């Protein structure tokens, strides 16, 4: 089967699971009204969902690289359907948290399978392939959010959870049957162009070897720092709009534009990184992210139009982290163990969600202002931008030689 068909199936599955994260904000206020739970109590559910999705990835990635994606994608469809369908019928907060965690585990399996598939089938177009897969996750909600909102108004949030959960679970299960990893050596990556800005690793590191390099921890700190702002905007856009006095129409427009900006960022910045280089692209995109996060609580207060614009700009400069980091990781450590290696880096999303979900809501409840959360996130994004410039100065990692206690020097690389 043509590799593009397999990529299309992976993108379709990613579109489905993207709704579990990016449609979530639509359910927050209806659940608060229907259950009497506080904003922070509901948003801790989002935090637990992201935490399970990310912190189970090292285990899932290790197994997927050895067993293949079909079994895991089938399990993922069931887990996503059961978890999402049950959210509206949770009778207590622990039950609600447990069900969202089940959905998070299914989300983990789909995300891990699909991302690794793109890196393995497209060593010649990593930025574009990863961008398409990540764009499915980030932008799919743009098309489904109006349906979610209409269903909630017409039938209530409970029935919306149920019916959409059944559909997305079935689609994931079917899409998973088309996924298969390529044989070893399939379309080996061409040697770097002498004028290319991309540095490519000539060795394949397993996860243990990767965890023994300083380059991994620089990438980990960068992804953690940049992840918070966009996750906060994802979870809190509706509560922020309510605090700013933004009307329902403007919020609906924002909820449609934000995923489109998210998807455009993933595809666009991924394509740019294939020519400009990963580190330079990171520095530019993350620097702009810092500016736009700060603008939400300054310029975004001026009018509903500026709120919509500034929120869209946040997503236009944030979604690319889920393209740039897996591709730079494959460039640095090879693509053979892509699923398991990226799972360790992706675990930063779980840490970010703690600050972006429950803690950000509690900070707002305690201060009455979103300024602290957004300005703090902007500062972290700026740090990630500066760190990207430092990453460019670091050598490519090299495996430790038996009996040698320190990392060896740089591999030859084009800059």
Protein backbone atom coordinates (compact mmCIF):
# COMPACT_ATOMS: atom_id res chain seq x y z
CA UNK A 1 0.00 0.00 0.00
CA UNK A 2 1.24 3.49 -0.86
CA UNK A 3 2.78 5.22 2.16
CA UNK A 4 0.54 8.26 1.63
CA UNK A 5 -2.58 6.16 2.27
CA UNK A 6 -1.13 5.03 5.57
CA UNK A 7 -0.31 8.63 6.41
CA UNK A 8 -3.90 9.61 5.58
CA UNK A 9 -5.26 6.96 7.96
CA UNK A 10 -2.97 8.24 10.71
CA UNK A 11 -4.11 11.83 10.10
CA UNK A 12 -7.77 10.74 10.30
CA UNK A 13 -7.20 9.02 13.63
CA UNK A 14 -5.41 12.13 14.92
CA UNK A 15 -8.35 14.32 13.90
CA UNK A 16 -10.62 12.15 16.01
CA UNK A 17 -8.52 12.26 19.18
CA UNK A 18 -7.89 15.98 18.76
CA UNK A 19 -11.50 16.53 19.77
CA UNK A 20 -10.82 15.01 23.19
CA UNK A 21 -8.51 17.94 23.93
CA UNK A 22 -9.57 20.86 21.74
CA UNK A 23 -13.36 20.52 22.12
CA UNK A 24 -13.01 20.21 25.89
CA UNK A 25 -13.43 23.91 26.66
CA UNK A 26 -17.00 23.75 25.26
CA UNK A 27 -18.01 21.32 28.00
CA UNK A 28 -16.52 23.18 30.97
CA UNK A 29 -19.32 25.64 31.71
CA UNK A 30 -22.18 23.16 31.02
CA UNK A 31 -20.56 20.64 33.38
CA UNK A 32 -20.12 23.27 36.08
CA UNK A 33 -23.78 24.19 35.76
CA UNK A 34 -24.99 20.60 35.65
CA UNK A 35 -22.88 19.25 38.51
CA UNK A 36 -22.18 22.23 40.75
CA UNK A 37 -18.42 21.61 40.53
CA UNK A 38 -16.02 24.57 40.58
CA UNK A 39 -13.92 25.64 37.57
CA UNK A 40 -10.71 24.33 39.11
CA UNK A 41 -12.35 20.99 39.96
CA UNK A 42 -13.49 20.50 36.38
CA UNK A 43 -10.17 21.65 34.92
CA UNK A 44 -8.21 19.18 37.03
CA UNK A 45 -9.91 16.58 34.85
CA UNK A 46 -8.19 18.14 31.82
CA UNK A 47 -4.89 17.99 33.69
CA UNK A 48 -5.31 14.30 34.52
CA UNK A 49 -6.27 13.55 30.90
CA UNK A 50 -3.10 15.17 29.56
CA UNK A 51 -0.97 13.62 32.31
CA UNK A 52 -2.11 10.08 31.53
CA UNK A 53 -1.84 10.72 27.80
CA UNK A 54 1.78 11.76 28.14
CA UNK A 55 3.18 9.84 31.08
CA UNK A 56 2.10 6.46 29.74
CA UNK A 57 3.83 7.11 26.42
CA UNK A 58 7.25 5.67 27.36
CA UNK A 59 5.59 2.33 28.04
CA UNK A 60 3.36 2.55 24.96
CA UNK A 61 6.16 3.71 22.68
CA UNK A 62 8.44 0.87 23.72
CA UNK A 63 5.72 -1.71 23.03
CA UNK A 64 4.55 -0.17 19.75
CA UNK A 65 8.05 -0.15 18.28
CA UNK A 66 8.17 -3.91 18.90
CA UNK A 67 4.58 -5.03 18.26
CA UNK A 68 3.33 -2.67 15.58
CA UNK A 69 0.49 -0.15 15.62
CA UNK A 70 -2.65 -2.10 14.65
CA UNK A 71 -3.31 -3.83 17.96
CA UNK A 72 -2.72 -0.63 19.88
CA UNK A 73 -4.92 1.43 17.56
CA UNK A 74 -7.76 -1.05 18.00
CA UNK A 75 -7.41 -0.84 21.77
CA UNK A 76 -7.20 2.93 21.47
CA UNK A 77 -10.56 3.15 19.71
CA UNK A 78 -12.24 1.24 22.53
CA UNK A 79 -10.52 3.24 25.28
CA UNK A 80 -11.34 6.61 23.70
CA UNK A 81 -14.99 5.66 23.19
CA UNK A 82 -15.49 4.29 26.71
CA UNK A 83 -13.74 7.19 28.43
CA UNK A 84 -15.34 10.01 26.42
CA UNK A 85 -18.84 8.50 26.37
CA UNK A 86 -18.84 8.11 30.14
CA UNK A 87 -17.75 11.65 31.06
CA UNK A 88 -21.24 13.08 31.00
CA UNK A 89 -22.57 10.38 33.30
CA UNK A 90 -19.90 10.58 36.01
CA UNK A 91 -21.57 10.80 39.42
CA UNK A 92 -18.54 12.06 41.33
CA UNK A 93 -15.27 13.85 40.70
CA UNK A 94 -13.12 10.70 41.15
CA UNK A 95 -15.30 8.87 38.63
CA UNK A 96 -15.06 11.82 36.23
CA UNK A 97 -11.27 11.95 36.59
CA UNK A 98 -10.95 8.17 36.06
CA UNK A 99 -13.02 8.23 32.86
CA UNK A 100 -11.05 11.14 31.40
CA UNK A 101 -7.87 9.20 32.23
CA UNK A 102 -9.19 6.21 30.27
CA UNK A 103 -9.72 8.49 27.28
CA UNK A 104 -6.22 9.86 27.82
CA UNK A 105 -4.71 6.37 27.59
CA UNK A 106 -6.49 5.77 24.28
CA UNK A 107 -5.31 9.17 23.10
CA UNK A 108 -1.75 8.16 24.00
CA UNK A 109 -1.87 5.02 21.86
CA UNK A 110 -3.18 6.88 18.79
CA UNK A 111 -0.75 9.78 19.14
CA UNK A 112 2.28 7.56 19.66
CA UNK A 113 1.43 5.23 16.73
CA UNK A 114 0.68 8.03 14.29
CA UNK A 115 3.69 10.22 15.08
CA UNK A 116 6.12 7.32 14.78
CA UNK A 117 4.50 6.22 11.51
CA UNK A 118 5.21 9.60 9.92
CA UNK A 119 8.85 9.60 11.02
CA UNK A 120 9.42 6.03 9.81
CA UNK A 121 7.68 6.19 6.42
CA UNK A 122 8.98 9.68 5.52
CA UNK A 123 12.65 10.03 6.46
CA UNK A 124 12.97 12.24 3.38
CA UNK A 125 10.12 14.57 4.42
CA UNK A 126 10.05 14.47 8.21
CA UNK A 127 8.90 18.05 8.71
CA UNK A 128 6.03 17.79 6.23
CA UNK A 129 4.86 14.32 7.35
CA UNK A 130 5.02 15.18 11.04
CA UNK A 131 3.30 18.46 10.26
CA UNK A 132 0.37 16.73 8.54
CA UNK A 133 -0.09 14.25 11.38
CA UNK A 134 0.17 16.91 14.07
CA UNK A 135 -2.07 19.26 12.07
CA UNK A 136 -4.79 16.62 12.12
CA UNK A 137 -4.66 16.60 15.91
CA UNK A 138 -4.51 20.36 16.24
CA UNK A 139 -6.96 21.52 13.56
CA UNK A 140 -9.61 18.81 13.39
CA UNK A 141 -11.63 20.47 16.12
CA UNK A 142 -12.08 23.52 13.87
CA UNK A 143 -14.56 21.51 11.81
CA UNK A 144 -16.15 19.64 14.70
CA UNK A 145 -16.44 22.39 17.34
CA UNK A 146 -19.55 23.95 15.71
CA UNK A 147 -21.23 20.53 15.77
CA UNK A 148 -20.20 19.96 19.38
CA UNK A 149 -21.55 23.37 20.39
CA UNK A 150 -24.82 22.80 18.53
CA UNK A 151 -25.29 19.35 20.04
CA UNK A 152 -24.67 20.67 23.56
CA UNK A 153 -27.30 23.37 23.05
CA UNK A 154 -29.82 20.97 21.51
CA UNK A 155 -29.32 17.77 23.54
CA UNK A 156 -27.13 18.70 26.51
CA UNK A 157 -23.54 17.85 27.31
CA UNK A 158 -24.29 14.28 28.49
CA UNK A 159 -25.74 13.10 25.19
CA UNK A 160 -23.02 14.97 23.27
CA UNK A 161 -20.31 13.06 25.12
CA UNK A 162 -22.12 9.79 24.38
CA UNK A 163 -22.83 10.16 20.66
CA UNK A 164 -19.51 11.77 19.71
CA UNK A 165 -17.61 9.16 21.73
CA UNK A 166 -19.20 6.32 19.81
CA UNK A 167 -18.40 7.91 16.44
CA UNK A 168 -14.79 8.86 17.13
CA UNK A 169 -14.06 5.47 18.70
CA UNK A 170 -15.38 3.63 15.63
CA UNK A 171 -13.40 5.82 13.20
CA UNK A 172 -10.17 5.29 15.15
CA UNK A 173 -10.68 1.54 15.18
CA UNK A 174 -11.20 1.40 11.39
CA UNK A 175 -8.32 3.78 10.61
CA UNK A 176 -5.98 1.66 12.72
CA UNK A 177 -6.37 -1.32 10.40
CA UNK A 178 -4.51 0.59 7.66
CA UNK A 179 -1.45 1.33 9.80
CA UNK A 180 1.77 -0.60 9.39
CA UNK A 181 5.37 0.40 9.91
CA UNK A 182 7.82 0.06 7.00
CA UNK A 183 10.51 -2.61 6.88
CA UNK A 184 13.96 -1.65 8.09
CA UNK A 185 15.85 0.33 5.52
CA UNK A 186 12.75 1.59 3.69
CA UNK A 187 13.62 4.75 1.72
CA UNK A 188 16.72 5.56 3.73
CA UNK A 189 17.17 9.23 4.40
CA UNK A 190 19.36 10.87 1.74
CA UNK A 191 22.68 12.34 2.85
CA UNK A 192 22.40 15.95 3.95
CA UNK A 193 22.67 18.57 1.25
CA UNK A 194 25.89 20.59 1.77
CA UNK A 195 23.73 23.73 1.93
CA UNK A 196 21.12 22.23 4.24
CA UNK A 197 20.54 23.82 7.63
CA UNK A 198 19.49 20.46 9.11
CA UNK A 199 21.93 18.34 11.08
CA UNK A 200 21.25 14.62 10.81
CA UNK A 201 22.37 11.80 13.05
CA UNK A 202 24.15 8.83 11.44
CA UNK A 203 23.43 6.49 14.37
CA UNK A 204 20.21 5.19 15.93
CA UNK A 205 19.98 5.70 19.69
CA UNK A 206 17.70 3.62 21.88
CA UNK A 207 15.91 5.39 24.72
CA UNK A 208 18.48 4.48 27.36
CA UNK A 209 21.30 5.82 25.20
CA UNK A 210 19.32 8.98 24.48
CA UNK A 211 18.62 9.59 28.19
CA UNK A 212 22.37 9.64 28.85
CA UNK A 213 22.97 12.69 26.62
CA UNK A 214 22.75 16.37 27.64
CA UNK A 215 21.07 17.23 24.33
CA UNK A 216 17.94 15.35 25.39
CA UNK A 217 17.57 17.36 28.60
CA UNK A 218 17.95 20.66 26.79
CA UNK A 219 15.14 19.59 24.46
CA UNK A 220 13.09 18.42 27.46
CA UNK A 221 13.41 21.79 29.23
CA UNK A 222 12.53 23.67 26.04
CA UNK A 223 9.43 21.60 25.31
CA UNK A 224 8.26 21.94 28.92
CA UNK A 225 8.66 25.73 28.82
CA UNK A 226 6.88 26.27 25.52
CA UNK A 227 4.09 23.76 26.20
CA UNK A 228 2.36 25.62 29.02
CA UNK A 229 0.99 28.69 27.23
CA UNK A 230 -0.83 26.93 24.42
CA UNK A 231 -2.26 24.25 26.68
CA UNK A 232 -3.56 26.96 28.97
CA UNK A 233 -5.20 28.75 26.05
CA UNK A 234 -6.72 25.45 24.94
CA UNK A 235 -8.25 24.64 28.32
CA UNK A 236 -9.14 28.15 29.46
CA UNK A 237 -10.26 30.03 26.34
CA UNK A 238 -13.93 29.93 27.35
CA UNK A 239 -13.32 30.98 31.00
CA UNK A 240 -10.96 33.75 29.82
CA UNK A 241 -13.58 34.98 27.33
CA UNK A 242 -16.18 35.08 30.08
CA UNK A 243 -13.84 37.08 32.34
CA UNK A 244 -13.14 39.57 29.52
CA UNK A 245 -16.84 39.95 28.71
CA UNK A 246 -16.51 38.38 25.27
CA UNK A 247 -19.86 37.41 23.74
CA UNK A 248 -20.97 33.98 22.54
CA UNK A 249 -20.55 34.83 18.85
CA UNK A 250 -16.97 36.01 19.23
CA UNK A 251 -16.13 32.97 21.37
CA UNK A 252 -17.59 30.68 18.71
CA UNK A 253 -15.41 32.35 16.08
CA UNK A 254 -12.35 31.95 18.30
CA UNK A 255 -13.13 28.28 18.88
CA UNK A 256 -13.19 27.78 15.10
CA UNK A 257 -10.10 29.86 14.30
CA UNK A 258 -7.91 28.54 17.11
CA UNK A 259 -7.73 24.94 15.84
CA UNK A 260 -7.18 26.21 12.28
CA UNK A 261 -4.27 28.31 13.52
CA UNK A 262 -3.00 25.32 15.47
CA UNK A 263 -3.10 23.07 12.40
CA UNK A 264 -1.60 25.72 10.14
CA UNK A 265 1.26 26.17 12.61
CA UNK A 266 2.04 22.46 12.61
CA UNK A 267 2.10 22.13 8.84
CA UNK A 268 3.61 25.53 8.05
CA UNK A 269 6.39 25.59 10.61
CA UNK A 270 7.19 21.94 9.85
CA UNK A 271 7.67 22.82 6.19
CA UNK A 272 9.78 25.87 7.09
CA UNK A 273 12.00 23.76 9.35
CA UNK A 274 12.85 21.42 6.45
CA UNK A 275 14.61 24.33 4.76
CA UNK A 276 15.49 26.89 7.43
CA UNK A 277 16.63 24.34 10.03
CA UNK A 278 14.97 23.10 13.21
CA UNK A 279 16.72 25.31 15.76
CA UNK A 280 16.32 28.55 13.81
CA UNK A 281 12.65 27.80 13.24
CA UNK A 282 12.19 27.11 16.95
CA UNK A 283 13.85 30.38 17.95
CA UNK A 284 11.59 32.43 15.67
CA UNK A 285 8.32 30.63 16.44
CA UNK A 286 8.83 30.50 20.21
CA UNK A 287 9.83 34.17 20.35
CA UNK A 288 6.61 35.13 18.56
CA UNK A 289 4.67 32.89 20.94
CA UNK A 290 5.97 34.92 23.90
CA UNK A 291 4.76 38.15 22.29
CA UNK A 292 1.31 36.82 21.46
CA UNK A 293 0.70 35.25 24.88
CA UNK A 294 1.37 38.63 26.51
CA UNK A 295 -0.91 40.31 23.98
CA UNK A 296 -3.95 38.25 25.03
CA UNK A 297 -4.20 39.99 28.42
CA UNK A 298 -3.23 43.42 27.03
CA UNK A 299 -4.41 43.98 23.47
CA UNK A 300 -6.96 41.17 23.73
CA UNK A 301 -8.95 43.11 26.33
CA UNK A 302 -9.57 46.05 24.00
CA UNK A 303 -12.40 44.44 22.03
CA UNK A 304 -13.89 41.12 21.06
CA UNK A 305 -12.16 41.35 17.69
CA UNK A 306 -8.74 41.72 19.29
CA UNK A 307 -9.49 38.84 21.65
CA UNK A 308 -10.21 36.57 18.67
CA UNK A 309 -7.08 37.78 16.83
CA UNK A 310 -4.66 37.44 19.74
CA UNK A 311 -5.95 33.98 20.67
CA UNK A 312 -5.59 32.80 17.07
CA UNK A 313 -2.01 34.14 16.97
CA UNK A 314 -1.18 32.17 20.13
CA UNK A 315 -2.18 28.94 18.40
CA UNK A 316 -0.48 29.95 15.15
CA UNK A 317 2.85 30.06 17.00
CA UNK A 318 2.32 27.22 19.48
CA UNK A 319 1.12 24.11 17.65
CA UNK A 320 4.46 23.68 15.88
CA UNK A 321 6.16 22.35 19.00
CA UNK A 322 4.47 18.98 18.34
CA UNK A 323 6.14 18.92 14.92
CA UNK A 324 9.52 20.49 15.58
CA UNK A 325 10.40 18.44 18.66
CA UNK A 326 9.75 14.95 17.20
CA UNK A 327 11.59 15.87 14.01
CA UNK A 328 14.61 17.39 15.76
CA UNK A 329 14.67 14.36 18.07
CA UNK A 330 14.80 12.07 15.03
CA UNK A 331 17.50 14.27 13.51
CA UNK A 332 19.54 14.05 16.72
CA UNK A 333 18.93 10.42 17.71
CA UNK A 334 17.76 8.59 14.55
CA UNK A 335 14.29 7.35 13.56
CA UNK A 336 14.58 3.63 14.34
CA UNK A 337 13.29 4.02 17.91
CA UNK A 338 11.19 7.10 17.17
CA UNK A 339 8.08 6.06 19.12
CA UNK A 340 9.83 5.15 22.35
CA UNK A 341 12.32 8.04 22.17
CA UNK A 342 9.68 10.70 21.54
CA UNK A 343 7.47 9.29 24.27
CA UNK A 344 10.01 10.43 26.88
CA UNK A 345 10.14 13.93 25.44
CA UNK A 346 6.36 14.12 25.04
CA UNK A 347 5.94 13.45 28.75
CA UNK A 348 6.60 17.18 29.24
CA UNK A 349 3.02 17.77 28.15
CA UNK A 350 1.80 16.09 31.32
CA UNK A 351 3.87 18.42 33.47
CA UNK A 352 2.72 21.42 31.43
CA UNK A 353 -0.92 20.43 31.87
CA UNK A 354 -0.65 20.68 35.65
CA UNK A 355 0.21 24.36 35.34
CA UNK A 356 -2.05 25.04 32.34
CA UNK A 357 -5.16 23.33 33.70
CA UNK A 358 -5.86 23.07 37.41
CA UNK A 359 -3.16 25.43 38.71
CA UNK A 360 -3.94 28.18 36.18
CA UNK A 361 -7.62 27.99 37.16
CA UNK A 362 -6.75 28.12 40.86
CA UNK A 363 -4.43 31.09 40.24
CA UNK A 364 -7.29 32.93 38.54
CA UNK A 365 -9.72 32.05 41.34
CA UNK A 366 -7.24 33.35 43.90
CA UNK A 367 -6.31 36.61 42.13
CA UNK A 368 -9.30 37.36 39.92
CA UNK A 369 -6.95 38.00 36.98
CA UNK A 370 -5.48 35.97 34.12
CA UNK A 371 -2.46 38.31 33.86
CA UNK A 372 -0.17 36.23 36.06
CA UNK A 373 -0.76 33.02 34.12
CA UNK A 374 -0.34 34.57 30.67
CA UNK A 375 2.66 36.77 31.46
CA UNK A 376 4.37 33.86 33.20
CA UNK A 377 3.79 31.61 30.19
CA UNK A 378 5.13 34.33 27.89
CA UNK A 379 8.34 34.48 29.91
CA UNK A 380 8.81 30.72 29.64
CA UNK A 381 8.25 30.85 25.86
CA UNK A 382 10.94 33.50 25.57
CA UNK A 383 13.34 31.27 27.51
CA UNK A 384 12.60 28.41 25.09
CA UNK A 385 13.36 30.70 22.14
CA UNK A 386 16.75 31.63 23.58
CA UNK A 387 17.48 28.00 24.43
CA UNK A 388 16.90 27.06 20.77
CA UNK A 389 19.78 29.34 19.80
CA UNK A 390 21.95 27.59 22.38
CA UNK A 391 20.88 24.17 21.09
CA UNK A 392 22.24 25.07 17.66
CA UNK A 393 25.68 25.50 19.20
CA UNK A 394 25.62 22.05 20.79
CA UNK A 395 27.21 19.13 18.91
CA UNK A 396 25.15 16.20 17.74
CA UNK A 397 25.13 13.46 20.37
CA UNK A 398 27.46 10.51 20.01
CA UNK A 399 27.11 7.14 21.65
CA UNK A 400 29.37 6.40 24.56
CA UNK A 401 32.22 4.06 23.80
CA UNK A 402 32.54 1.12 26.19
CA UNK A 403 34.91 2.02 28.95
CA UNK A 404 34.68 5.73 28.32
CA UNK A 405 32.91 7.72 30.98
CA UNK A 406 32.26 10.92 29.10
CA UNK A 407 30.40 11.84 25.97
CA UNK A 408 32.49 11.99 22.86
CA UNK A 409 32.76 15.09 20.74
CA UNK A 410 30.61 16.34 17.92
CA UNK A 411 29.72 14.50 14.80
CA UNK A 412 30.43 16.37 11.58
CA UNK A 413 27.35 18.43 10.81
CA UNK A 414 26.13 21.06 8.40
CA UNK A 415 24.90 24.24 9.96
